PDB file of N, CA and C in Angstrom:
ATOM      1  N   MET A   1     -59.321  -4.368 -35.481  1.00  0.00           N
ATOM      2  CA  MET A   1     -58.707  -3.886 -34.517  1.00  0.00           C
ATOM      3  C   MET A   1     -57.612  -4.987 -35.074  1.00  0.00           C
ATOM      4  N   ASN A   2     -56.353  -4.245 -35.700  1.00  0.00           N
ATOM      5  CA  ASN A   2     -55.523  -5.431 -36.329  1.00  0.00           C
ATOM      6  C   ASN A   2     -54.026  -5.614 -35.215  1.00  0.00           C
ATOM      7  N   ASN A   3     -53.641  -6.895 -35.602  1.00  0.00           N
ATOM      8  CA  ASN A   3     -52.299  -6.448 -34.253  1.00  0.00           C
ATOM      9  C   ASN A   3     -51.434  -5.695 -34.340  1.00  0.00           C
ATOM     10  N   LYS A   4     -51.258  -4.795 -35.196  1.00  0.00           N
ATOM     11  CA  LYS A   4     -50.361  -3.681 -34.748  1.00  0.00           C
ATOM     12  C   LYS A   4     -51.634  -2.795 -33.602  1.00  0.00           C
ATOM     13  N   GLU A   5     -52.010  -2.866 -33.858  1.00  0.00           N
ATOM     14  CA  GLU A   5     -52.843  -1.641 -32.850  1.00  0.00           C
ATOM     15  C   GLU A   5     -52.814  -2.732 -31.674  1.00  0.00           C
ATOM     16  N   LYS A   6     -53.121  -3.572 -31.232  1.00  0.00           N
ATOM     17  CA  LYS A   6     -53.829  -4.934 -29.995  1.00  0.00           C
ATOM     18  C   LYS A   6     -52.312  -4.348 -29.401  1.00  0.00           C
ATOM     19  N   TRP A   7     -51.133  -4.407 -29.855  1.00  0.00           N
ATOM     20  CA  TRP A   7     -49.732  -3.930 -29.284  1.00  0.00           C
ATOM     21  C   TRP A   7     -49.456  -3.049 -28.767  1.00  0.00           C
ATOM     22  N   SER A   8     -49.912  -2.225 -29.431  1.00  0.00           N
ATOM     23  CA  SER A   8     -49.845  -0.463 -29.418  1.00  0.00           C
ATOM     24  C   SER A   8     -50.055  -0.460 -28.154  1.00  0.00           C
ATOM     25  N   LEU A   9     -51.780  -1.369 -27.888  1.00  0.00           N
ATOM     26  CA  LEU A   9     -51.792  -0.859 -26.794  1.00  0.00           C
ATOM     27  C   LEU A   9     -52.298  -1.708 -25.279  1.00  0.00           C
ATOM     28  N   VAL A  10     -50.994  -3.077 -25.967  1.00  0.00           N
ATOM     29  CA  VAL A  10     -50.715  -3.797 -24.286  1.00  0.00           C
ATOM     30  C   VAL A  10     -48.862  -2.779 -24.302  1.00  0.00           C
ATOM     31  N   GLY A  11     -48.532  -2.039 -25.318  1.00  0.00           N
ATOM     32  CA  GLY A  11     -47.810  -1.295 -24.418  1.00  0.00           C
ATOM     33  C   GLY A  11     -48.282  -0.340 -23.947  1.00  0.00           C
ATOM     34  N   SER A  12     -48.865   0.660 -24.438  1.00  0.00           N
ATOM     35  CA  SER A  12     -49.191   1.344 -23.229  1.00  0.00           C
ATOM     36  C   SER A  12     -49.807   1.081 -21.780  1.00  0.00           C
ATOM     37  N   ALA A  13     -50.213   0.161 -22.132  1.00  0.00           N
ATOM     38  CA  ALA A  13     -51.088  -0.038 -21.039  1.00  0.00           C
ATOM     39  C   ALA A  13     -49.346  -0.323 -19.801  1.00  0.00           C
ATOM     40  N   GLY A  14     -48.669  -1.211 -20.650  1.00  0.00           N
ATOM     41  CA  GLY A  14     -47.732  -1.602 -19.254  1.00  0.00           C
ATOM     42  C   GLY A  14     -47.001  -0.746 -19.422  1.00  0.00           C
ATOM     43  N   VAL A  15     -46.603   0.287 -19.961  1.00  0.00           N
ATOM     44  CA  VAL A  15     -46.058   1.991 -19.975  1.00  0.00           C
ATOM     45  C   VAL A  15     -46.381   2.121 -18.244  1.00  0.00           C
ATOM     46  N   GLY A  16     -47.625   2.301 -18.526  1.00  0.00           N
ATOM     47  CA  GLY A  16     -48.907   3.044 -17.808  1.00  0.00           C
ATOM     48  C   GLY A  16     -48.480   2.628 -16.347  1.00  0.00           C
ATOM     49  N   VAL A  17     -48.678   1.280 -16.605  1.00  0.00           N
ATOM     50  CA  VAL A  17     -48.270  -0.052 -15.168  1.00  0.00           C
ATOM     51  C   VAL A  17     -46.958   0.088 -14.715  1.00  0.00           C
ATOM     52  N   GLY A  18     -45.957   0.173 -15.663  1.00  0.00           N
ATOM     53  CA  GLY A  18     -44.306   0.358 -15.232  1.00  0.00           C
ATOM     54  C   GLY A  18     -44.751   1.747 -14.690  1.00  0.00           C
ATOM     55  N   LEU A  19     -45.068   3.019 -14.643  1.00  0.00           N
ATOM     56  CA  LEU A  19     -44.769   4.208 -14.446  1.00  0.00           C
ATOM     57  C   LEU A  19     -45.838   4.582 -13.172  1.00  0.00           C
ATOM     58  N   GLY A  20     -46.616   3.647 -13.212  1.00  0.00           N
ATOM     59  CA  GLY A  20     -47.685   3.758 -11.802  1.00  0.00           C
ATOM     60  C   GLY A  20     -47.169   3.158 -10.703  1.00  0.00           C
ATOM     61  N   ALA A  21     -46.046   1.986 -11.044  1.00  0.00           N
ATOM     62  CA  ALA A  21     -45.682   1.117  -9.812  1.00  0.00           C
ATOM     63  C   ALA A  21     -44.394   2.298  -9.373  1.00  0.00           C
ATOM     64  N   GLY A  22     -43.286   2.294 -10.313  1.00  0.00           N
ATOM     65  CA  GLY A  22     -42.661   3.851  -9.659  1.00  0.00           C
ATOM     66  C   GLY A  22     -43.058   4.204  -8.941  1.00  0.00           C
ATOM     67  N   LEU A  23     -44.350   5.345  -9.108  1.00  0.00           N
ATOM     68  CA  LEU A  23     -44.717   6.591  -8.442  1.00  0.00           C
ATOM     69  C   LEU A  23     -45.025   6.197  -7.249  1.00  0.00           C
ATOM     70  N   MET A  24     -45.501   5.045  -7.134  1.00  0.00           N
ATOM     71  CA  MET A  24     -45.656   4.227  -5.653  1.00  0.00           C
ATOM     72  C   MET A  24     -44.934   3.953  -5.105  1.00  0.00           C
ATOM     73  N   TYR A  25     -43.006   3.404  -5.921  1.00  0.00           N
ATOM     74  CA  TYR A  25     -42.315   2.685  -4.991  1.00  0.00           C
ATOM     75  C   TYR A  25     -41.557   4.091  -4.432  1.00  0.00           C
ATOM     76  N   LEU A  26     -41.417   5.577  -5.362  1.00  0.00           N
ATOM     77  CA  LEU A  26     -40.752   6.453  -4.765  1.00  0.00           C
ATOM     78  C   LEU A  26     -42.072   7.536  -3.934  1.00  0.00           C
ATOM     79  N   LEU A  27     -42.789   7.499  -3.734  1.00  0.00           N
ATOM     80  CA  LEU A  27     -44.424   8.056  -3.214  1.00  0.00           C
ATOM     81  C   LEU A  27     -44.548   7.653  -1.677  1.00  0.00           C
ATOM     82  N   ASP A  28     -43.933   6.619  -1.248  1.00  0.00           N
ATOM     83  CA  ASP A  28     -44.418   5.180  -0.512  1.00  0.00           C
ATOM     84  C   ASP A  28     -44.088   6.296   0.713  1.00  0.00           C
ATOM     85  N   PRO A  29     -45.238   6.768   1.871  1.00  0.00           N
ATOM     86  CA  PRO A  29     -45.013   7.092   3.589  1.00  0.00           C
ATOM     87  C   PRO A  29     -44.337   6.519   3.590  1.00  0.00           C
ATOM     88  N   GLN A  30     -44.020   5.619   4.017  1.00  0.00           N
ATOM     89  CA  GLN A  30     -42.758   5.096   4.829  1.00  0.00           C
ATOM     90  C   GLN A  30     -41.291   5.056   4.110  1.00  0.00           C
ATOM     91  N   GLY A  31     -40.493   4.386   3.143  1.00  0.00           N
ATOM     92  CA  GLY A  31     -39.995   4.450   3.014  1.00  0.00           C
ATOM     93  C   GLY A  31     -39.394   5.274   1.376  1.00  0.00           C
ATOM     94  N   GLY A  32     -40.433   5.982   1.112  1.00  0.00           N
ATOM     95  CA  GLY A  32     -40.151   6.502  -0.461  1.00  0.00           C
ATOM     96  C   GLY A  32     -39.122   7.123  -0.145  1.00  0.00           C
ATOM     97  N   ARG A  33     -38.627   8.691   1.460  1.00  0.00           N
ATOM     98  CA  ARG A  33     -37.819   9.521   1.142  1.00  0.00           C
ATOM     99  C   ARG A  33     -36.719   8.638   1.519  1.00  0.00           C
ATOM    100  N   GLY A  34     -36.117   7.979   1.852  1.00  0.00           N
ATOM    101  CA  GLY A  34     -35.238   7.242   1.752  1.00  0.00           C
ATOM    102  C   GLY A  34     -34.568   6.971   0.231  1.00  0.00           C
ATOM    103  N   ARG A  35     -35.845   6.627  -0.365  1.00  0.00           N
ATOM    104  CA  ARG A  35     -35.569   5.531  -1.906  1.00  0.00           C
ATOM    105  C   ARG A  35     -35.399   7.415  -3.117  1.00  0.00           C
ATOM    106  N   ARG A  36     -35.995   8.405  -2.762  1.00  0.00           N
ATOM    107  CA  ARG A  36     -36.083   8.771  -3.772  1.00  0.00           C
ATOM    108  C   ARG A  36     -34.318   9.828  -3.314  1.00  0.00           C
ATOM    109  N   ALA A  37     -33.875  10.132  -2.075  1.00  0.00           N
ATOM    110  CA  ALA A  37     -32.726  10.003  -1.963  1.00  0.00           C
ATOM    111  C   ALA A  37     -31.454   9.563  -2.305  1.00  0.00           C
ATOM    112  N   VAL A  38     -31.587   8.238  -2.239  1.00  0.00           N
ATOM    113  CA  VAL A  38     -30.658   7.407  -3.019  1.00  0.00           C
ATOM    114  C   VAL A  38     -31.125   7.646  -4.559  1.00  0.00           C
ATOM    115  N   ALA A  39     -31.650   7.593  -5.375  1.00  0.00           N
ATOM    116  CA  ALA A  39     -32.469   8.383  -6.263  1.00  0.00           C
ATOM    117  C   ALA A  39     -31.034   9.558  -6.553  1.00  0.00           C
ATOM    118  N   ARG A  40     -31.674  10.037  -5.774  1.00  0.00           N
ATOM    119  CA  ARG A  40     -30.927  11.685  -6.550  1.00  0.00           C
ATOM    120  C   ARG A  40     -29.142  11.774  -6.248  1.00  0.00           C
ATOM    121  N   ASP A  41     -29.065  11.157  -5.127  1.00  0.00           N
ATOM    122  CA  ASP A  41     -27.935  10.712  -4.940  1.00  0.00           C
ATOM    123  C   ASP A  41     -27.000  10.060  -5.830  1.00  0.00           C
ATOM    124  N   LYS A  42     -27.833   8.860  -6.643  1.00  0.00           N
ATOM    125  CA  LYS A  42     -27.352   8.160  -7.809  1.00  0.00           C
ATOM    126  C   LYS A  42     -27.294   9.131  -9.127  1.00  0.00           C
ATOM    127  N   SER A  43     -28.226  10.004  -9.188  1.00  0.00           N
ATOM    128  CA  SER A  43     -28.490  10.987 -10.504  1.00  0.00           C
ATOM    129  C   SER A  43     -27.015  12.149 -10.125  1.00  0.00           C
ATOM    130  N   PHE A  44     -26.596  12.207  -9.435  1.00  0.00           N
ATOM    131  CA  PHE A  44     -25.784  13.636  -9.609  1.00  0.00           C
ATOM    132  C   PHE A  44     -24.214  12.834 -10.081  1.00  0.00           C
ATOM    133  N   SER A  45     -24.368  11.938  -9.347  1.00  0.00           N
ATOM    134  CA  SER A  45     -22.646  10.924  -9.354  1.00  0.00           C
ATOM    135  C   SER A  45     -22.685  10.729 -10.622  1.00  0.00           C
ATOM    136  N   ALA A  46     -24.208   9.761 -11.167  1.00  0.00           N
ATOM    137  CA  ALA A  46     -24.271   9.762 -13.181  1.00  0.00           C
ATOM    138  C   ALA A  46     -23.709  11.112 -13.510  1.00  0.00           C
ATOM    139  N   LEU A  47     -24.672  11.854 -13.676  1.00  0.00           N
ATOM    140  CA  LEU A  47     -24.344  13.410 -14.256  1.00  0.00           C
ATOM    141  C   LEU A  47     -22.460  13.909 -13.864  1.00  0.00           C
ATOM    142  N   LYS A  48     -22.414  14.098 -12.848  1.00  0.00           N
ATOM    143  CA  LYS A  48     -20.979  14.492 -13.008  1.00  0.00           C
ATOM    144  C   LYS A  48     -19.555  13.490 -13.326  1.00  0.00           C
ATOM    145  N   LYS A  49     -19.846  11.986 -13.096  1.00  0.00           N
ATOM    146  CA  LYS A  49     -19.600  11.446 -13.587  1.00  0.00           C
ATOM    147  C   LYS A  49     -19.510  11.592 -15.464  1.00  0.00           C
ATOM    148  N   GLY A  50     -20.206  12.121 -15.939  1.00  0.00           N
ATOM    149  CA  GLY A  50     -20.347  11.997 -17.641  1.00  0.00           C
ATOM    150  C   GLY A  50     -19.855  12.813 -18.280  1.00  0.00           C
ATOM    151  N   GLY A  51     -19.984  14.170 -17.314  1.00  0.00           N
ATOM    152  CA  GLY A  51     -19.052  15.456 -17.610  1.00  0.00           C
ATOM    153  C   GLY A  51     -17.716  15.462 -17.646  1.00  0.00           C
ATOM    154  N   THR A  52     -17.353  14.566 -16.519  1.00  0.00           N
ATOM    155  CA  THR A  52     -15.893  14.295 -16.504  1.00  0.00           C
ATOM    156  C   THR A  52     -15.227  13.478 -17.821  1.00  0.00           C
ATOM    157  N   VAL A  53     -15.954  12.307 -18.124  1.00  0.00           N
ATOM    158  CA  VAL A  53     -15.975  11.442 -19.567  1.00  0.00           C
ATOM    159  C   VAL A  53     -16.036  12.111 -20.973  1.00  0.00           C
ATOM    160  N   ALA A  54     -16.718  12.757 -20.969  1.00  0.00           N
ATOM    161  CA  ALA A  54     -17.123  13.899 -21.785  1.00  0.00           C
ATOM    162  C   ALA A  54     -15.754  15.147 -22.120  1.00  0.00           C
ATOM    163  N   ALA A  55     -15.069  15.780 -20.746  1.00  0.00           N
ATOM    164  CA  ALA A  55     -14.051  16.303 -21.256  1.00  0.00           C
ATOM    165  C   ALA A  55     -13.064  15.579 -21.277  1.00  0.00           C
ATOM    166  N   LYS A  56     -12.814  14.473 -20.658  1.00  0.00           N
ATOM    167  CA  LYS A  56     -11.475  13.565 -21.315  1.00  0.00           C
ATOM    168  C   LYS A  56     -11.645  13.379 -22.505  1.00  0.00           C
ATOM    169  N   THR A  57     -12.816  12.948 -23.633  1.00  0.00           N
ATOM    170  CA  THR A  57     -12.718  12.270 -24.832  1.00  0.00           C
ATOM    171  C   THR A  57     -12.833  13.841 -25.657  1.00  0.00           C
ATOM    172  N   SER A  58     -13.307  14.463 -24.864  1.00  0.00           N
ATOM    173  CA  SER A  58     -12.706  15.892 -25.903  1.00  0.00           C
ATOM    174  C   SER A  58     -11.759  16.434 -26.103  1.00  0.00           C
ATOM    175  N   ARG A  59     -10.791  16.355 -24.709  1.00  0.00           N
ATOM    176  CA  ARG A  59      -9.190  16.632 -24.525  1.00  0.00           C
ATOM    177  C   ARG A  59      -8.894  15.964 -25.380  1.00  0.00           C
ATOM    178  N   HIS A  60      -9.173  14.149 -25.550  1.00  0.00           N
ATOM    179  CA  HIS A  60      -8.293  13.126 -26.356  1.00  0.00           C
ATOM    180  C   HIS A  60      -8.242  13.421 -27.591  1.00  0.00           C
ATOM    181  N   LEU A  61      -9.666  13.691 -28.643  1.00  0.00           N
ATOM    182  CA  LEU A  61     -10.067  14.036 -29.584  1.00  0.00           C
ATOM    183  C   LEU A  61      -9.325  15.294 -29.793  1.00  0.00           C
ATOM    184  N   GLY A  62      -9.405  16.489 -29.246  1.00  0.00           N
ATOM    185  CA  GLY A  62      -8.428  17.247 -29.929  1.00  0.00           C
ATOM    186  C   GLY A  62      -6.856  17.398 -29.875  1.00  0.00           C
ATOM    187  N   ASN A  63      -6.106  16.435 -29.447  1.00  0.00           N
ATOM    188  CA  ASN A  63      -5.072  15.979 -29.210  1.00  0.00           C
ATOM    189  C   ASN A  63      -4.924  15.379 -30.451  1.00  0.00           C
ATOM    190  N   LYS A  64      -5.435  14.207 -30.802  1.00  0.00           N
ATOM    191  CA  LYS A  64      -5.701  13.141 -31.859  1.00  0.00           C
ATOM    192  C   LYS A  64      -5.574  13.845 -33.230  1.00  0.00           C
ATOM    193  N   THR A  65      -5.950  15.110 -33.561  1.00  0.00           N
ATOM    194  CA  THR A  65      -6.330  15.457 -34.131  1.00  0.00           C
ATOM    195  C   THR A  65      -5.400  16.957 -34.570  1.00  0.00           C
ATOM    196  N   LYS A  66      -4.816  17.156 -33.563  1.00  0.00           N
ATOM    197  CA  LYS A  66      -3.205  18.184 -33.769  1.00  0.00           C
ATOM    198  C   LYS A  66      -2.377  17.318 -33.888  1.00  0.00           C
ATOM    199  N   GLY A  67      -2.437  15.963 -34.118  1.00  0.00           N
ATOM    200  CA  GLY A  67      -1.355  15.068 -34.117  1.00  0.00           C
ATOM    201  C   GLY A  67      -1.427  14.639 -35.419  1.00  0.00           C
ATOM    202  N   LEU A  68      -2.694  14.414 -35.718  1.00  0.00           N
ATOM    203  CA  LEU A  68      -2.758  14.115 -36.838  1.00  0.00           C
ATOM    204  C   LEU A  68      -2.065  15.179 -38.148  1.00  0.00           C
ATOM    205  N   ILE A  69      -2.888  16.613 -37.811  1.00  0.00           N
ATOM    206  CA  ILE A  69      -2.185  18.026 -38.417  1.00  0.00           C
ATOM    207  C   ILE A  69      -0.535  18.540 -38.809  1.00  0.00           C
ATOM    208  N   ALA A  70      -0.413  17.530 -37.334  1.00  0.00           N
ATOM    209  CA  ALA A  70       1.130  17.709 -37.439  1.00  0.00           C
ATOM    210  C   ALA A  70       2.076  16.269 -38.303  1.00  0.00           C
ATOM    211  N   ASP A  71       1.034  15.591 -38.454  1.00  0.00           N
ATOM    212  CA  ASP A  71       2.192  14.419 -39.322  1.00  0.00           C
ATOM    213  C   ASP A  71       1.614  14.762 -40.685  1.00  0.00           C
ATOM    214  N   ALA A  72       0.562  15.283 -40.962  1.00  0.00           N
ATOM    215  CA  ALA A  72       0.539  15.850 -41.879  1.00  0.00           C
ATOM    216  C   ALA A  72       1.419  16.989 -42.761  1.00  0.00           C
ATOM    217  N   GLY A  73       1.476  17.522 -42.129  1.00  0.00           N
ATOM    218  CA  GLY A  73       3.034  18.623 -42.200  1.00  0.00           C
ATOM    219  C   GLY A  73       4.313  18.279 -42.781  1.00  0.00           C
ATOM    220  N   THR A  74       4.597  17.032 -42.167  1.00  0.00           N
ATOM    221  CA  THR A  74       5.892  16.614 -41.648  1.00  0.00           C
ATOM    222  C   THR A  74       6.208  15.471 -43.132  1.00  0.00           C
ATOM    223  N   LYS A  75       4.351  14.257 -43.441  1.00  0.00           N
ATOM    224  CA  LYS A  75       5.355  13.642 -44.460  1.00  0.00           C
ATOM    225  C   LYS A  75       5.035  14.268 -46.140  1.00  0.00           C
ATOM    226  N   PRO A  76       6.053  13.452 -46.599  1.00  0.00           N
ATOM    227  CA  PRO A  76       6.583  13.800 -47.358  1.00  0.00           C
ATOM    228  C   PRO A  76       5.112  13.693 -48.587  1.00  0.00           C
ATOM    229  N   ARG A  77       4.724  14.619 -49.595  1.00  0.00           N
ATOM    230  CA  ARG A  77       3.959  14.648 -50.537  1.00  0.00           C
ATOM    231  C   ARG A  77       3.933  14.090 -51.917  1.00  0.00           C
ATOM    232  N   MET A  78       3.161  12.989 -52.349  1.00  0.00           N
ATOM    233  CA  MET A  78       3.398  11.874 -53.494  1.00  0.00           C
ATOM    234  C   MET A  78       2.658  12.936 -54.818  1.00  0.00           C
ATOM    235  N   PRO A  79       3.324  13.333 -55.803  1.00  0.00           N
ATOM    236  CA  PRO A  79       2.504  13.596 -56.608  1.00  0.00           C
ATOM    237  C   PRO A  79       1.058  13.045 -57.795  1.00  0.00           C
TER     238      PRO A  79
END
């Protein structure tokens, strides 16, 4: 087994351990319900905020494009 394969195995084990710990944290019978509610609320908030930012950015780029087109039509052109 070469060094690259060893690191791949270590990385896979690390991902497995992290995934297992996360599932235990969220599926805990005593505190998991509250943790899942907080995670759900934060996810919805992030998605809503991301959509708002995307819409603003899209509007901004559209307005800049219109401005560039207007400027290109008004400036004298050199031959």
